[in-house]
Amino acid sequence: MSFRHILISLFAAVAALAIPTAASAATPALVFSKVTTQRHGSETVEDGGLFAARGQHVSQLTDNPADAEPAFSPDGDTIAFVRGGDLYTTRPDGTGERALTSGAELDSRPQFSVDGRTIVFERSAGPGAPRDLYAIGARGGGLHALAPSAADEHEASLSRNGKTVAFVRSTADARGGSRDAIFSVRLNGGGLSRLSRGTEDAFAPHYFAGGIVFDRGESSEGPSGYSDIYAMAADGAGPHKLVGGASSVYLEDVSADGRTMLFSRYESLCEKAIAAGAPHKIGPLPTGVETQARFSPSGRQVAVRTESYDSSSDSAQRLYTLDVRRGFELGELAQAEEGEGPSAEIGDGFAWQPVAHGAY
């Protein structure tokens, strides 16, 4: 047995103690993916998988570098994830692995329904091909398309009552680009309805306690892109602006209680009560980065992943946590730097473990 395989076996043994189930966990874990690539002569070796951070302690859960995009079940006892274009589930300690899908299609972005019985995900025929939304039972079986079309369907958000899915449908326009609109559909595939109207793009839908918050503007990347944050009823009625101004604002997340939203604006990460009130700055953001941020289960912390657009940056990617009220960084969980030696990549999907009475 090689030294590398011995290390992998040791990782697996340690990982079995990494995350207790939700019932016994004192604080929720943050699960993310990371891959490290090293060259040994003509050979390229990749190491990585899913990792779990509890506070500043990080443990490895799986040892397959293809594992990415983790999502927790509502009870915190199951993690859905993607491995090489197929969906899998595992327990929070890395045991009990189960394959849900297989085949030539590329499956991605799994999310659990509110009751934990169904997983909604995106499926495409190959890289760059249009995506469709699918649903499958959390233990496998019952695979079905939700709203099949020739358009590109993505950015699914499951309603708080567990009955419907809001998503973005991108269709080609006369200029050779695409237009984004928000639709909803029931989990059984019925009741397809367009929610957003107008000529501007509508994207990044998130259900909250009173309906749906979303971005509205120009969704294209680059200098032409811009966005304000709007809210509307769950049936699309009464759209109105919540946050706007001279600089674009981009919706990141909605708190577990459905009352507060998280958004990025230029060089700041902010929160705001959706019903009323002024934004509160949580912390600064570096210039020239793409941001992903997620509330912890209680809303007291935020996990932030940044990726630099500048190839000369010392840190191409970072994953860290912020204290929401006090507005300072609590610690860095992972970093991927450019330069000589091993290269690393932090996956662009991460998930907090739901905990009923956690300290976070």
Protein backbone atom coordinates (compact mmCIF):
# COMPACT_ATOMS: atom_id res chain seq x y z
CA MET A 1 0.00 0.00 0.00
CA SER A 2 1.40 3.42 -0.98
CA PHE A 3 2.00 6.22 1.51
CA ARG A 4 -0.72 8.28 -0.17
CA HIS A 5 -3.28 5.48 0.25
CA ILE A 6 -2.30 5.13 3.92
CA LEU A 7 -2.96 8.83 4.40
CA ILE A 8 -6.34 8.56 2.69
CA SER A 9 -7.31 5.69 4.98
CA LEU A 10 -6.32 7.73 8.02
CA PHE A 11 -8.37 10.67 6.73
CA ALA A 12 -11.40 8.43 6.39
CA ALA A 13 -11.01 7.13 9.93
CA VAL A 14 -10.74 10.63 11.38
CA ALA A 15 -13.65 11.87 9.24
CA ALA A 16 -16.00 9.33 10.82
CA LEU A 17 -15.86 11.46 13.99
CA ALA A 18 -15.95 14.83 12.21
CA ILE A 19 -19.61 15.89 12.34
CA PRO A 20 -22.18 14.62 14.80
CA THR A 21 -25.76 14.37 13.62
CA ALA A 22 -27.94 17.46 14.04
CA ALA A 23 -29.52 16.09 17.21
CA SER A 24 -26.18 15.88 19.03
CA ALA A 25 -24.28 18.78 17.46
CA ALA A 26 -23.64 21.78 19.70
CA THR A 27 -22.87 24.03 16.74
CA PRO A 28 -23.51 23.63 13.02
CA ALA A 29 -20.75 22.68 10.62
CA LEU A 30 -19.94 24.42 7.35
CA VAL A 31 -19.26 21.90 4.56
CA PHE A 32 -17.33 22.87 1.43
CA SER A 33 -15.15 21.32 -1.26
CA LYS A 34 -11.49 21.85 -2.05
CA VAL A 35 -9.11 20.26 -4.57
CA THR A 36 -5.31 20.48 -4.54
CA THR A 37 -3.35 19.64 -7.70
CA GLN A 38 0.34 18.77 -7.73
CA ARG A 39 2.65 17.80 -10.57
CA HIS A 40 5.25 15.07 -10.14
CA GLY A 41 7.17 15.07 -13.40
CA SER A 42 4.68 14.15 -16.12
CA GLU A 43 2.10 12.93 -13.58
CA THR A 44 -0.65 15.14 -12.17
CA VAL A 45 -2.08 14.15 -8.80
CA GLU A 46 -5.30 15.59 -7.38
CA ASP A 47 -6.30 15.36 -3.73
CA GLY A 48 -9.41 16.72 -2.08
CA GLY A 49 -13.09 16.17 -1.48
CA LEU A 50 -15.63 17.51 0.98
CA PHE A 51 -14.43 19.21 4.16
CA ALA A 52 -16.28 20.22 7.32
CA ALA A 53 -15.40 23.22 9.48
CA ARG A 54 -16.74 23.53 13.00
CA GLY A 55 -15.46 26.83 14.31
CA GLN A 56 -11.88 26.95 13.04
CA HIS A 57 -11.37 23.16 13.14
CA VAL A 58 -11.47 21.64 9.63
CA SER A 59 -11.81 17.89 8.96
CA GLN A 60 -11.94 16.00 5.65
CA LEU A 61 -15.15 14.02 5.04
CA THR A 62 -14.58 12.43 1.63
CA ASP A 63 -11.39 11.74 -0.33
CA ASN A 64 -12.67 12.00 -3.92
CA PRO A 65 -11.49 15.24 -5.60
CA ALA A 66 -14.61 15.21 -7.82
CA ASP A 67 -16.92 15.80 -4.81
CA ALA A 68 -18.49 19.27 -4.79
CA GLU A 69 -21.63 21.38 -4.24
CA PRO A 70 -22.79 19.99 -0.86
CA ALA A 71 -26.34 20.60 0.42
CA PHE A 72 -27.80 19.55 3.79
CA SER A 73 -31.17 17.96 4.42
CA PRO A 74 -33.44 20.01 6.73
CA ASP A 75 -32.74 17.72 9.69
CA GLY A 76 -28.98 18.00 9.13
CA ASP A 77 -28.54 14.23 8.92
CA THR A 78 -27.80 13.90 5.17
CA ILE A 79 -25.54 15.70 2.71
CA ALA A 80 -26.33 15.66 -1.00
CA PHE A 81 -23.41 16.42 -3.29
CA VAL A 82 -22.13 16.12 -6.86
CA ARG A 83 -19.41 13.71 -7.98
CA GLY A 84 -18.34 13.92 -11.60
CA GLY A 85 -21.78 14.95 -12.86
CA ASP A 86 -23.82 12.51 -10.73
CA LEU A 87 -25.70 13.03 -7.48
CA TYR A 88 -24.75 11.27 -4.24
CA THR A 89 -25.74 11.45 -0.60
CA THR A 90 -23.77 10.69 2.55
CA ARG A 91 -24.17 11.02 6.29
CA PRO A 92 -22.56 14.07 7.93
CA ASP A 93 -19.69 11.89 9.15
CA GLY A 94 -18.84 10.78 5.60
CA THR A 95 -20.33 7.27 5.89
CA GLY A 96 -23.33 5.64 4.19
CA GLU A 97 -22.56 6.94 0.71
CA ARG A 98 -25.37 6.40 -1.82
CA ALA A 99 -25.47 7.13 -5.58
CA LEU A 100 -28.76 8.69 -6.75
CA THR A 101 -28.14 9.32 -10.45
CA SER A 102 -25.85 8.02 -13.18
CA GLY A 103 -25.39 8.41 -16.91
CA ALA A 104 -23.89 10.78 -19.44
CA GLU A 105 -25.87 13.82 -18.28
CA LEU A 106 -24.31 16.39 -15.96
CA ASP A 107 -26.24 16.86 -12.70
CA SER A 108 -25.50 19.78 -10.39
CA ARG A 109 -26.74 22.15 -7.66
CA PRO A 110 -28.78 19.77 -5.45
CA GLN A 111 -31.24 21.20 -2.91
CA PHE A 112 -33.52 19.39 -0.46
CA SER A 113 -37.22 20.06 -0.18
CA VAL A 114 -38.54 21.34 3.14
CA ASP A 115 -39.70 17.87 4.23
CA GLY A 116 -36.36 16.32 3.21
CA ARG A 117 -37.98 13.75 0.93
CA THR A 118 -37.06 15.28 -2.44
CA ILE A 119 -33.92 16.72 -4.02
CA VAL A 120 -34.21 19.34 -6.78
CA PHE A 121 -31.22 19.75 -9.10
CA GLU A 122 -30.05 20.99 -12.50
CA ARG A 123 -29.34 18.60 -15.38
CA SER A 124 -27.69 19.27 -18.75
CA ALA A 125 -26.61 17.13 -21.70
CA GLY A 126 -23.01 18.35 -21.39
CA PRO A 127 -20.77 21.34 -20.61
CA GLY A 128 -22.37 24.58 -21.81
CA ALA A 129 -25.65 22.90 -22.78
CA PRO A 130 -28.99 24.29 -21.53
CA ARG A 131 -30.05 23.05 -18.10
CA ASP A 132 -33.39 21.63 -16.99
CA LEU A 133 -34.67 21.28 -13.44
CA TYR A 134 -35.27 17.77 -12.14
CA ALA A 135 -36.48 16.24 -8.90
CA ILE A 136 -35.63 12.86 -7.37
CA GLY A 137 -36.41 11.12 -4.10
CA ALA A 138 -33.84 11.70 -1.37
CA ARG A 139 -33.18 7.94 -1.28
CA GLY A 140 -33.40 7.57 -5.07
CA GLY A 141 -36.31 6.87 -7.40
CA GLY A 142 -39.08 9.06 -8.74
CA LEU A 143 -36.85 11.01 -11.11
CA HIS A 144 -38.83 13.56 -13.16
CA ALA A 145 -38.35 16.86 -14.98
CA LEU A 146 -40.07 19.88 -13.45
CA ALA A 147 -40.39 22.28 -16.39
CA PRO A 148 -38.70 20.87 -19.50
CA SER A 149 -38.06 23.33 -22.32
CA ALA A 150 -35.42 24.35 -24.84
CA ALA A 151 -34.46 27.28 -22.60
CA ASP A 152 -31.79 27.26 -19.89
CA GLU A 153 -33.36 26.76 -16.43
CA HIS A 154 -31.33 27.35 -13.30
CA GLU A 155 -31.08 29.14 -9.90
CA ALA A 156 -33.81 27.10 -8.22
CA SER A 157 -35.24 28.26 -4.88
CA LEU A 158 -37.66 26.09 -2.90
CA SER A 159 -40.66 27.70 -1.24
CA ARG A 160 -40.95 27.81 2.54
CA ASN A 161 -44.11 25.67 2.47
CA GLY A 162 -42.34 23.05 0.38
CA LYS A 163 -44.86 23.10 -2.46
CA THR A 164 -43.23 25.13 -5.26
CA VAL A 165 -39.90 25.97 -6.85
CA ALA A 166 -38.99 29.41 -8.18
CA PHE A 167 -36.31 29.43 -10.88
CA VAL A 168 -34.74 31.45 -13.68
CA ARG A 169 -35.50 30.65 -17.32
CA SER A 170 -33.01 32.14 -19.80
CA THR A 171 -34.15 32.46 -23.41
CA ALA A 172 -32.26 33.74 -26.45
CA ASP A 173 -33.00 37.28 -27.61
CA ALA A 174 -32.66 39.04 -30.97
CA ARG A 175 -29.26 40.50 -30.02
CA GLY A 176 -27.62 37.11 -29.65
CA GLY A 177 -27.75 37.29 -25.86
CA SER A 178 -30.38 36.04 -23.47
CA ARG A 179 -33.18 37.36 -21.29
CA ASP A 180 -33.81 36.07 -17.76
CA ALA A 181 -37.26 35.73 -16.21
CA ILE A 182 -38.46 34.11 -12.98
CA PHE A 183 -40.96 31.25 -13.15
CA SER A 184 -42.44 28.90 -10.56
CA VAL A 185 -43.58 25.29 -10.76
CA ARG A 186 -44.91 22.74 -8.29
CA LEU A 187 -42.65 19.91 -7.14
CA ASN A 188 -44.78 17.43 -9.12
CA GLY A 189 -44.11 19.39 -12.32
CA GLY A 190 -47.53 21.07 -12.58
CA GLY A 191 -48.65 24.67 -12.31
CA LEU A 192 -45.89 26.31 -14.36
CA SER A 193 -46.26 30.10 -14.13
CA ARG A 194 -44.21 33.14 -15.13
CA LEU A 195 -43.76 35.50 -12.17
CA SER A 196 -41.59 38.40 -13.39
CA ARG A 197 -42.57 40.87 -16.11
CA GLY A 198 -40.92 43.69 -18.01
CA THR A 199 -37.88 44.03 -20.26
CA GLU A 200 -35.21 43.87 -17.55
CA ASP A 201 -33.68 40.58 -16.44
CA ALA A 202 -35.03 39.03 -13.24
CA PHE A 203 -32.73 36.54 -11.53
CA ALA A 204 -31.44 35.14 -8.18
CA PRO A 205 -34.89 34.40 -6.67
CA HIS A 206 -35.07 33.60 -2.93
CA TYR A 207 -38.26 32.87 -1.03
CA PHE A 208 -38.81 34.86 2.17
CA ALA A 209 -41.59 34.97 4.74
CA GLY A 210 -43.78 37.19 2.54
CA GLY A 211 -42.98 36.12 -1.01
CA ILE A 212 -39.87 36.26 -3.22
CA VAL A 213 -36.91 38.65 -3.26
CA PHE A 214 -34.82 38.79 -6.43
CA ASP A 215 -32.33 40.76 -8.52
CA ARG A 216 -33.60 42.90 -11.37
CA GLY A 217 -31.45 44.60 -14.00
CA GLU A 218 -28.95 43.26 -16.53
CA SER A 219 -27.63 39.81 -15.60
CA SER A 220 -24.76 39.70 -18.10
CA GLU A 221 -21.22 39.62 -16.76
CA GLY A 222 -18.87 42.54 -17.27
CA PRO A 223 -19.36 46.31 -17.20
CA SER A 224 -22.84 46.17 -18.72
CA GLY A 225 -24.24 44.15 -15.81
CA TYR A 226 -26.21 45.88 -13.04
CA SER A 227 -28.83 44.98 -10.47
CA ASP A 228 -31.28 46.30 -7.88
CA ILE A 229 -33.11 44.13 -5.35
CA TYR A 230 -36.89 43.75 -5.63
CA ALA A 231 -39.60 41.86 -3.77
CA MET A 232 -42.88 40.42 -5.01
CA ALA A 233 -45.64 38.14 -3.79
CA ALA A 234 -45.22 34.40 -4.36
CA ASP A 235 -47.58 34.67 -7.37
CA GLY A 236 -45.58 37.56 -8.89
CA ALA A 237 -47.94 40.34 -7.81
CA GLY A 238 -46.81 43.73 -6.50
CA PRO A 239 -43.13 43.88 -7.48
CA HIS A 240 -41.37 46.76 -5.74
CA LYS A 241 -37.79 47.90 -5.21
CA LEU A 242 -36.15 47.22 -1.84
CA VAL A 243 -32.54 48.31 -2.42
CA GLY A 244 -31.04 50.31 -5.28
CA GLY A 245 -28.81 53.27 -5.91
CA ALA A 246 -25.79 54.36 -7.89
CA SER A 247 -23.94 51.05 -7.41
CA SER A 248 -25.34 47.61 -8.15
CA VAL A 249 -26.57 45.37 -5.34
CA TYR A 250 -26.63 41.59 -5.65
CA LEU A 251 -28.75 39.30 -3.49
CA GLU A 252 -26.76 36.55 -1.75
CA ASP A 253 -29.09 34.83 0.72
CA VAL A 254 -32.18 35.01 2.95
CA SER A 255 -32.02 34.07 6.63
CA ALA A 256 -33.58 30.84 7.89
CA ASP A 257 -36.46 32.73 9.51
CA GLY A 258 -37.25 34.42 6.17
CA ARG A 259 -37.02 37.96 7.51
CA THR A 260 -33.55 39.22 6.59
CA MET A 261 -31.64 39.35 3.32
CA LEU A 262 -27.91 39.34 2.66
CA PHE A 263 -26.46 41.25 -0.28
CA SER A 264 -23.20 42.55 -1.71
CA ARG A 265 -22.73 46.13 -2.81
CA TYR A 266 -19.47 47.28 -4.38
CA GLU A 267 -16.94 46.77 -1.55
CA SER A 268 -19.34 45.79 1.25
CA LEU A 269 -21.41 42.87 2.46
CA CYS A 270 -24.68 44.02 4.02
CA GLU A 271 -27.84 42.68 5.67
CA LYS A 272 -31.29 44.27 5.77
CA ALA A 273 -34.68 43.40 7.21
CA ILE A 274 -36.85 42.67 4.17
CA ALA A 275 -39.98 44.32 5.59
CA ALA A 276 -38.40 47.68 6.48
CA GLY A 277 -35.33 49.43 7.84
CA ALA A 278 -31.93 50.51 6.60
CA PRO A 279 -29.11 48.19 5.50
CA HIS A 280 -26.47 47.19 8.04
CA LYS A 281 -22.88 46.73 6.84
CA ILE A 282 -21.45 43.41 8.00
CA GLY A 283 -17.97 43.78 6.61
CA PRO A 284 -15.78 44.96 3.72
CA LEU A 285 -15.17 43.08 0.49
CA PRO A 286 -11.98 43.35 -1.55
CA THR A 287 -12.20 45.02 -4.93
CA GLY A 288 -12.40 42.89 -8.05
CA VAL A 289 -13.91 39.76 -6.52
CA GLU A 290 -16.91 37.55 -7.18
CA THR A 291 -18.75 36.91 -3.91
CA GLN A 292 -20.90 34.11 -2.50
CA ALA A 293 -22.24 34.46 1.04
CA ARG A 294 -24.60 32.39 3.22
CA PHE A 295 -26.21 33.00 6.60
CA SER A 296 -25.57 30.47 9.37
CA PRO A 297 -28.76 28.77 10.70
CA SER A 298 -29.31 31.41 13.40
CA GLY A 299 -28.18 34.31 11.21
CA ARG A 300 -25.44 35.29 13.65
CA GLN A 301 -22.62 34.42 11.27
CA VAL A 302 -22.04 34.55 7.53
CA ALA A 303 -19.79 32.31 5.46
CA VAL A 304 -18.15 34.15 2.54
CA ARG A 305 -16.34 32.82 -0.50
CA THR A 306 -14.50 35.34 -2.67
CA GLU A 307 -12.79 34.73 -5.99
CA SER A 308 -10.51 37.36 -7.48
CA TYR A 309 -10.86 38.55 -11.05
CA ASP A 310 -7.21 39.73 -10.91
CA SER A 311 -4.73 36.99 -11.81
CA SER A 312 -1.98 38.94 -10.01
CA SER A 313 -3.78 38.66 -6.66
CA ASP A 314 -1.92 36.77 -3.93
CA SER A 315 -5.11 34.96 -2.93
CA ALA A 316 -7.29 33.81 -5.83
CA GLN A 317 -9.97 32.32 -3.54
CA ARG A 318 -10.85 32.58 0.15
CA LEU A 319 -13.50 31.01 2.39
CA TYR A 320 -14.01 32.68 5.76
CA THR A 321 -16.68 33.56 8.34
CA LEU A 322 -17.92 36.91 9.63
CA ASP A 323 -19.71 37.90 12.82
CA VAL A 324 -22.91 39.61 11.66
CA ARG A 325 -23.50 42.04 14.52
CA ARG A 326 -19.93 42.95 15.41
CA GLY A 327 -18.82 43.08 11.80
CA PHE A 328 -15.42 41.44 11.96
CA GLU A 329 -13.80 38.37 10.45
CA LEU A 330 -13.84 35.32 12.72
CA GLY A 331 -11.36 33.23 10.80
CA GLU A 332 -10.26 31.81 7.47
CA LEU A 333 -11.29 28.24 6.65
CA ALA A 334 -9.58 27.78 3.28
CA GLN A 335 -7.44 29.69 0.81
CA ALA A 336 -6.30 29.02 -2.74
CA GLU A 337 -3.25 30.95 -3.90
CA GLU A 338 -1.71 31.49 -7.30
CA GLY A 339 1.95 30.82 -7.93
CA GLU A 340 4.46 28.00 -8.09
CA GLY A 341 3.91 24.72 -6.31
CA PRO A 342 0.59 22.99 -5.61
CA SER A 343 -2.50 24.77 -6.92
CA ALA A 344 -5.82 24.63 -5.09
CA GLU A 345 -9.45 25.41 -5.86
CA ILE A 346 -12.26 26.00 -3.38
CA GLY A 347 -15.62 24.87 -4.77
CA ASP A 348 -18.23 27.56 -5.37
CA GLY A 349 -20.89 25.73 -3.33
CA PHE A 350 -20.95 25.35 0.46
CA ALA A 351 -23.62 24.63 3.07
CA TRP A 352 -24.29 25.16 6.79
CA GLN A 353 -25.58 22.21 8.80
CA PRO A 354 -29.10 22.99 10.08
CA VAL A 355 -29.21 22.87 13.88
CA ALA A 356 -32.28 23.55 16.00
CA HIS A 357 -30.39 24.98 18.97
CA GLY A 358 -26.90 25.73 17.68
CA ALA A 359 -24.61 28.47 18.99
CA TYR A 360 -24.26 29.98 15.53
